[in-house]
Amino acid sequence: MRRLLFILPVVLGLSACAGEDVVNTALPPGYLSAAPEIVAAADWSDPDTITVTLSNYEFTPSELTLHRDRATRLVLVNSTTKDHTMVAAQFFKEVAVRQLVGPTGAVPAPWVSKVVVPAGQTKEIWLVPAHYGAFRFECDVTGHSAFGMNGLINVIP
C-alpha cells in the first residue's frame, strides 16, 4: 500500500506533462505539399471562427464542422489548471496552416501536428481544410483521451 501511495503521485505528475507544440516549416512526410500556396491564396479577411473549450477530460464541443477551402480560425481555450493538447494526426496532414497564435505571438507554420494549450491559456490555429472527411482528434496527455477527451472534425463543402 505504501508503495502505491508513493507511485501514484509520480504517475499523476507525469501525466500532466503535455510537451510542446509541434510545428514544421519543412514539409513532413505525408503532409499537404501545397499548404504554402493554399495559405497564400486564402481570404483571411473574415475567417470562420470555431471556439473549443478544453476542460478536464472533454472538448466542448466535441464534434466540429469546418468547410473545405475556407479560411478558419480554430480557437482552443483551456479553462483548467492543467495543460491539454490537441492532436489530430490525419486532420493536420490534410490542412494548410497559416499560423499558430498564442500568448507570446504568432508562429507561421504551414504544417502542425500537435498544439499544446497551457493551463488557463488560449491558442488559435489559422487553417484551411483542403480535403473532405471525418477526422478524430484527442488530447494526448496520459489518460485524457481514455477518459473521453477526444472528438471528431467533419470537413464538408
C-alpha atoms as a PDB file:
ATOM      1  CA  MET A   1       0.000   0.000   0.000  1.00  0.00           C
ATOM      2  CA  ARG A   2       2.822   2.415   0.855  1.00  0.00           C
ATOM      3  CA  ARG A   3       4.417   1.702  -2.488  1.00  0.00           C
ATOM      4  CA  LEU A   4       1.171   2.603  -4.285  1.00  0.00           C
ATOM      5  CA  LEU A   5       0.897   5.844  -2.326  1.00  0.00           C
ATOM      6  CA  PHE A   6       4.417   6.718  -3.434  1.00  0.00           C
ATOM      7  CA  ILE A   7       3.982   5.737  -7.098  1.00  0.00           C
ATOM      8  CA  LEU A   8       0.559   7.343  -7.644  1.00  0.00           C
ATOM      9  CA  PRO A   9       1.742  10.977  -7.247  1.00  0.00           C
ATOM     10  CA  VAL A  10       4.672  10.293  -9.584  1.00  0.00           C
ATOM     11  CA  VAL A  11       2.377   8.856 -12.273  1.00  0.00           C
ATOM     12  CA  LEU A  12      -0.113  11.698 -11.871  1.00  0.00           C
ATOM     13  CA  GLY A  13       2.691  14.230 -12.086  1.00  0.00           C
ATOM     14  CA  LEU A  14       3.993  12.713 -15.299  1.00  0.00           C
ATOM     15  CA  SER A  15       0.511  12.610 -16.795  1.00  0.00           C
ATOM     16  CA  ALA A  16       0.250  16.385 -16.501  1.00  0.00           C
ATOM     17  CA  CYS A  17       3.156  16.897 -18.904  1.00  0.00           C
ATOM     18  CA  ALA A  18       1.844  17.986 -22.295  1.00  0.00           C
ATOM     19  CA  GLY A  19       5.137  18.701 -24.057  1.00  0.00           C
ATOM     20  CA  GLU A  20       5.481  21.385 -26.719  1.00  0.00           C
ATOM     21  CA  ASP A  21       3.763  22.431 -29.936  1.00  0.00           C
ATOM     22  CA  VAL A  22       4.978  20.511 -32.966  1.00  0.00           C
ATOM     23  CA  VAL A  23       5.231  22.990 -35.841  1.00  0.00           C
ATOM     24  CA  ASN A  24       7.076  22.350 -39.090  1.00  0.00           C
ATOM     25  CA  THR A  25       8.341  24.802 -41.679  1.00  0.00           C
ATOM     26  CA  ALA A  26       9.739  21.973 -43.829  1.00  0.00           C
ATOM     27  CA  LEU A  27       7.279  19.524 -45.372  1.00  0.00           C
ATOM     28  CA  PRO A  28       6.868  16.450 -43.119  1.00  0.00           C
ATOM     29  CA  PRO A  29       6.217  13.076 -44.805  1.00  0.00           C
ATOM     30  CA  GLY A  30       2.560  12.580 -45.704  1.00  0.00           C
ATOM     31  CA  TYR A  31       1.526  16.214 -45.205  1.00  0.00           C
ATOM     32  CA  LEU A  32      -0.154  18.506 -47.726  1.00  0.00           C
ATOM     33  CA  SER A  33       2.618  19.706 -50.045  1.00  0.00           C
ATOM     34  CA  ALA A  34       0.539  22.604 -51.427  1.00  0.00           C
ATOM     35  CA  ALA A  35      -0.004  24.128 -47.955  1.00  0.00           C
ATOM     36  CA  PRO A  36       2.018  27.326 -48.563  1.00  0.00           C
ATOM     37  CA  GLU A  37       0.154  28.024 -51.820  1.00  0.00           C
ATOM     38  CA  ILE A  38      -3.242  27.329 -50.210  1.00  0.00           C
ATOM     39  CA  VAL A  39      -2.437  29.676 -47.320  1.00  0.00           C
ATOM     40  CA  ALA A  40      -1.320  32.413 -49.748  1.00  0.00           C
ATOM     41  CA  ALA A  41      -4.493  32.114 -51.855  1.00  0.00           C
ATOM     42  CA  ALA A  42      -6.970  32.079 -48.946  1.00  0.00           C
ATOM     43  CA  ASP A  43      -9.124  35.077 -47.988  1.00  0.00           C
ATOM     44  CA  TRP A  44      -8.149  35.745 -44.359  1.00  0.00           C
ATOM     45  CA  SER A  45     -10.250  38.925 -44.008  1.00  0.00           C
ATOM     46  CA  ASP A  46     -13.242  37.128 -42.451  1.00  0.00           C
ATOM     47  CA  PRO A  47     -12.365  33.555 -41.437  1.00  0.00           C
ATOM     48  CA  ASP A  48     -14.908  31.153 -39.952  1.00  0.00           C
ATOM     49  CA  THR A  49     -14.311  31.054 -36.207  1.00  0.00           C
ATOM     50  CA  ILE A  50     -14.841  27.943 -34.121  1.00  0.00           C
ATOM     51  CA  THR A  51     -14.148  28.023 -30.381  1.00  0.00           C
ATOM     52  CA  VAL A  52     -13.425  24.822 -28.478  1.00  0.00           C
ATOM     53  CA  THR A  53     -13.100  24.695 -24.693  1.00  0.00           C
ATOM     54  CA  LEU A  54     -10.620  22.191 -23.292  1.00  0.00           C
ATOM     55  CA  SER A  55     -11.606  21.083 -19.808  1.00  0.00           C
ATOM     56  CA  ASN A  56     -10.720  18.112 -17.693  1.00  0.00           C
ATOM     57  CA  TYR A  57     -11.393  15.113 -19.923  1.00  0.00           C
ATOM     58  CA  GLU A  58     -13.527  16.769 -22.594  1.00  0.00           C
ATOM     59  CA  PHE A  59     -13.577  19.102 -25.560  1.00  0.00           C
ATOM     60  CA  THR A  60     -16.671  21.304 -25.862  1.00  0.00           C
ATOM     61  CA  PRO A  61     -17.975  20.943 -28.467  1.00  0.00           C
ATOM     62  CA  SER A  62     -16.516  17.524 -29.231  1.00  0.00           C
ATOM     63  CA  GLU A  63     -17.785  17.498 -32.811  1.00  0.00           C
ATOM     64  CA  LEU A  64     -16.667  20.284 -35.135  1.00  0.00           C
ATOM     65  CA  THR A  65     -17.773  21.175 -38.647  1.00  0.00           C
ATOM     66  CA  LEU A  66     -15.357  23.009 -40.937  1.00  0.00           C
ATOM     67  CA  HIS A  67     -15.760  23.909 -44.593  1.00  0.00           C
ATOM     68  CA  ARG A  68     -13.305  22.784 -47.232  1.00  0.00           C
ATOM     69  CA  ASP A  69     -11.241  25.570 -48.823  1.00  0.00           C
ATOM     70  CA  ARG A  70     -12.490  28.152 -46.328  1.00  0.00           C
ATOM     71  CA  ALA A  71     -10.175  30.110 -44.022  1.00  0.00           C
ATOM     72  CA  THR A  72     -10.868  29.042 -40.445  1.00  0.00           C
ATOM     73  CA  ARG A  73      -9.737  30.314 -37.070  1.00  0.00           C
ATOM     74  CA  LEU A  74      -9.860  27.431 -34.579  1.00  0.00           C
ATOM     75  CA  VAL A  75      -9.716  28.887 -31.055  1.00  0.00           C
ATOM     76  CA  LEU A  76      -8.677  26.487 -28.294  1.00  0.00           C
ATOM     77  CA  VAL A  77      -9.471  27.737 -24.770  1.00  0.00           C
ATOM     78  CA  ASN A  78      -8.024  25.829 -21.818  1.00  0.00           C
ATOM     79  CA  SER A  79     -10.294  26.573 -18.869  1.00  0.00           C
ATOM     80  CA  THR A  80      -8.403  24.343 -16.418  1.00  0.00           C
ATOM     81  CA  THR A  81      -5.342  24.425 -14.188  1.00  0.00           C
ATOM     82  CA  LYS A  82      -3.675  21.633 -16.224  1.00  0.00           C
ATOM     83  CA  ASP A  83      -2.110  21.658 -19.693  1.00  0.00           C
ATOM     84  CA  HIS A  84      -4.010  19.996 -22.557  1.00  0.00           C
ATOM     85  CA  THR A  85      -3.229  19.222 -26.180  1.00  0.00           C
ATOM     86  CA  MET A  86      -4.972  18.863 -29.487  1.00  0.00           C
ATOM     87  CA  VAL A  87      -3.588  16.101 -31.668  1.00  0.00           C
ATOM     88  CA  ALA A  88      -5.334  15.190 -34.921  1.00  0.00           C
ATOM     89  CA  ALA A  89      -2.850  13.195 -36.961  1.00  0.00           C
ATOM     90  CA  GLN A  90      -4.806  12.733 -40.192  1.00  0.00           C
ATOM     91  CA  PHE A  91      -6.621  16.084 -39.992  1.00  0.00           C
ATOM     92  CA  PHE A  92      -3.382  18.045 -39.611  1.00  0.00           C
ATOM     93  CA  LYS A  93      -1.985  16.230 -42.667  1.00  0.00           C
ATOM     94  CA  GLU A  94      -4.985  17.436 -44.722  1.00  0.00           C
ATOM     95  CA  VAL A  95      -4.949  21.165 -43.850  1.00  0.00           C
ATOM     96  CA  ALA A  96      -2.835  24.188 -44.648  1.00  0.00           C
ATOM     97  CA  VAL A  97      -1.941  26.166 -41.532  1.00  0.00           C
ATOM     98  CA  ARG A  98      -1.288  29.882 -41.813  1.00  0.00           C
ATOM     99  CA  GLN A  99      -0.194  30.416 -38.229  1.00  0.00           C
ATOM    100  CA  LEU A 100      -0.384  29.226 -34.653  1.00  0.00           C
ATOM    101  CA  VAL A 101      -1.215  32.114 -32.320  1.00  0.00           C
ATOM    102  CA  GLY A 102      -0.558  32.009 -28.587  1.00  0.00           C
ATOM    103  CA  PRO A 103       0.105  34.372 -25.704  1.00  0.00           C
ATOM    104  CA  THR A 104       3.604  35.137 -26.984  1.00  0.00           C
ATOM    105  CA  GLY A 105       2.532  35.912 -30.551  1.00  0.00           C
ATOM    106  CA  ALA A 106       2.062  34.213 -33.908  1.00  0.00           C
ATOM    107  CA  VAL A 107       4.230  31.495 -35.401  1.00  0.00           C
ATOM    108  CA  PRO A 108       3.908  30.999 -39.180  1.00  0.00           C
ATOM    109  CA  ALA A 109       3.528  27.280 -39.758  1.00  0.00           C
ATOM    110  CA  PRO A 110       2.207  25.585 -42.854  1.00  0.00           C
ATOM    111  CA  TRP A 111       2.327  22.221 -41.042  1.00  0.00           C
ATOM    112  CA  VAL A 112       1.311  21.421 -37.445  1.00  0.00           C
ATOM    113  CA  SER A 113       0.995  18.046 -35.776  1.00  0.00           C
ATOM    114  CA  LYS A 114       0.410  18.953 -32.119  1.00  0.00           C
ATOM    115  CA  VAL A 115      -0.880  22.006 -30.287  1.00  0.00           C
ATOM    116  CA  VAL A 116      -0.278  22.406 -26.560  1.00  0.00           C
ATOM    117  CA  VAL A 117      -2.613  24.748 -24.694  1.00  0.00           C
ATOM    118  CA  PRO A 118      -1.136  25.538 -21.277  1.00  0.00           C
ATOM    119  CA  ALA A 119      -3.377  25.867 -18.227  1.00  0.00           C
ATOM    120  CA  GLY A 120      -5.619  28.941 -18.378  1.00  0.00           C
ATOM    121  CA  GLN A 121      -4.401  29.978 -21.841  1.00  0.00           C
ATOM    122  CA  THR A 122      -5.813  30.213 -25.362  1.00  0.00           C
ATOM    123  CA  LYS A 123      -4.254  29.300 -28.695  1.00  0.00           C
ATOM    124  CA  GLU A 124      -5.539  29.781 -32.212  1.00  0.00           C
ATOM    125  CA  ILE A 125      -4.849  27.687 -35.293  1.00  0.00           C
ATOM    126  CA  TRP A 126      -5.481  29.625 -38.513  1.00  0.00           C
ATOM    127  CA  LEU A 127      -6.024  26.989 -41.200  1.00  0.00           C
ATOM    128  CA  VAL A 128      -7.685  25.977 -44.451  1.00  0.00           C
ATOM    129  CA  PRO A 129      -9.096  22.427 -44.703  1.00  0.00           C
ATOM    130  CA  ALA A 130      -8.053  21.011 -48.082  1.00  0.00           C
ATOM    131  CA  HIS A 131      -9.879  17.657 -48.098  1.00  0.00           C
ATOM    132  CA  TYR A 132     -13.330  16.389 -47.141  1.00  0.00           C
ATOM    133  CA  GLY A 133     -13.666  13.792 -44.419  1.00  0.00           C
ATOM    134  CA  ALA A 134     -14.226  12.912 -40.795  1.00  0.00           C
ATOM    135  CA  PHE A 135     -11.131  13.155 -38.613  1.00  0.00           C
ATOM    136  CA  ARG A 136     -10.544  12.121 -34.995  1.00  0.00           C
ATOM    137  CA  PHE A 137      -8.799  14.406 -32.527  1.00  0.00           C
ATOM    138  CA  GLU A 138      -7.722  13.962 -28.920  1.00  0.00           C
ATOM    139  CA  CYS A 139      -5.718  15.256 -26.004  1.00  0.00           C
ATOM    140  CA  ASP A 140      -2.579  13.127 -25.815  1.00  0.00           C
ATOM    141  CA  VAL A 141      -1.767  13.897 -22.180  1.00  0.00           C
ATOM    142  CA  THR A 142      -1.570  10.498 -20.484  1.00  0.00           C
ATOM    143  CA  GLY A 143      -5.052   9.192 -19.699  1.00  0.00           C
ATOM    144  CA  HIS A 144      -7.029  12.173 -21.004  1.00  0.00           C
ATOM    145  CA  SER A 145      -8.252  10.542 -24.225  1.00  0.00           C
ATOM    146  CA  ALA A 146      -9.112   7.321 -22.376  1.00  0.00           C
ATOM    147  CA  PHE A 147     -11.324   9.354 -20.040  1.00  0.00           C
ATOM    148  CA  GLY A 148     -13.163  10.909 -23.002  1.00  0.00           C
ATOM    149  CA  MET A 149     -11.076  13.871 -24.133  1.00  0.00           C
ATOM    150  CA  ASN A 150     -11.466  13.254 -27.852  1.00  0.00           C
ATOM    151  CA  GLY A 151     -13.740  14.296 -30.688  1.00  0.00           C
ATOM    152  CA  LEU A 152     -14.498  14.448 -34.384  1.00  0.00           C
ATOM    153  CA  ILE A 153     -13.818  17.083 -37.035  1.00  0.00           C
ATOM    154  CA  ASN A 154     -16.076  16.949 -40.104  1.00  0.00           C
ATOM    155  CA  VAL A 155     -14.883  18.773 -43.213  1.00  0.00           C
ATOM    156  CA  ILE A 156     -17.798  19.449 -45.546  1.00  0.00           C
ATOM    157  CA  PRO A 157     -18.374  21.529 -48.739  1.00  0.00           C
END
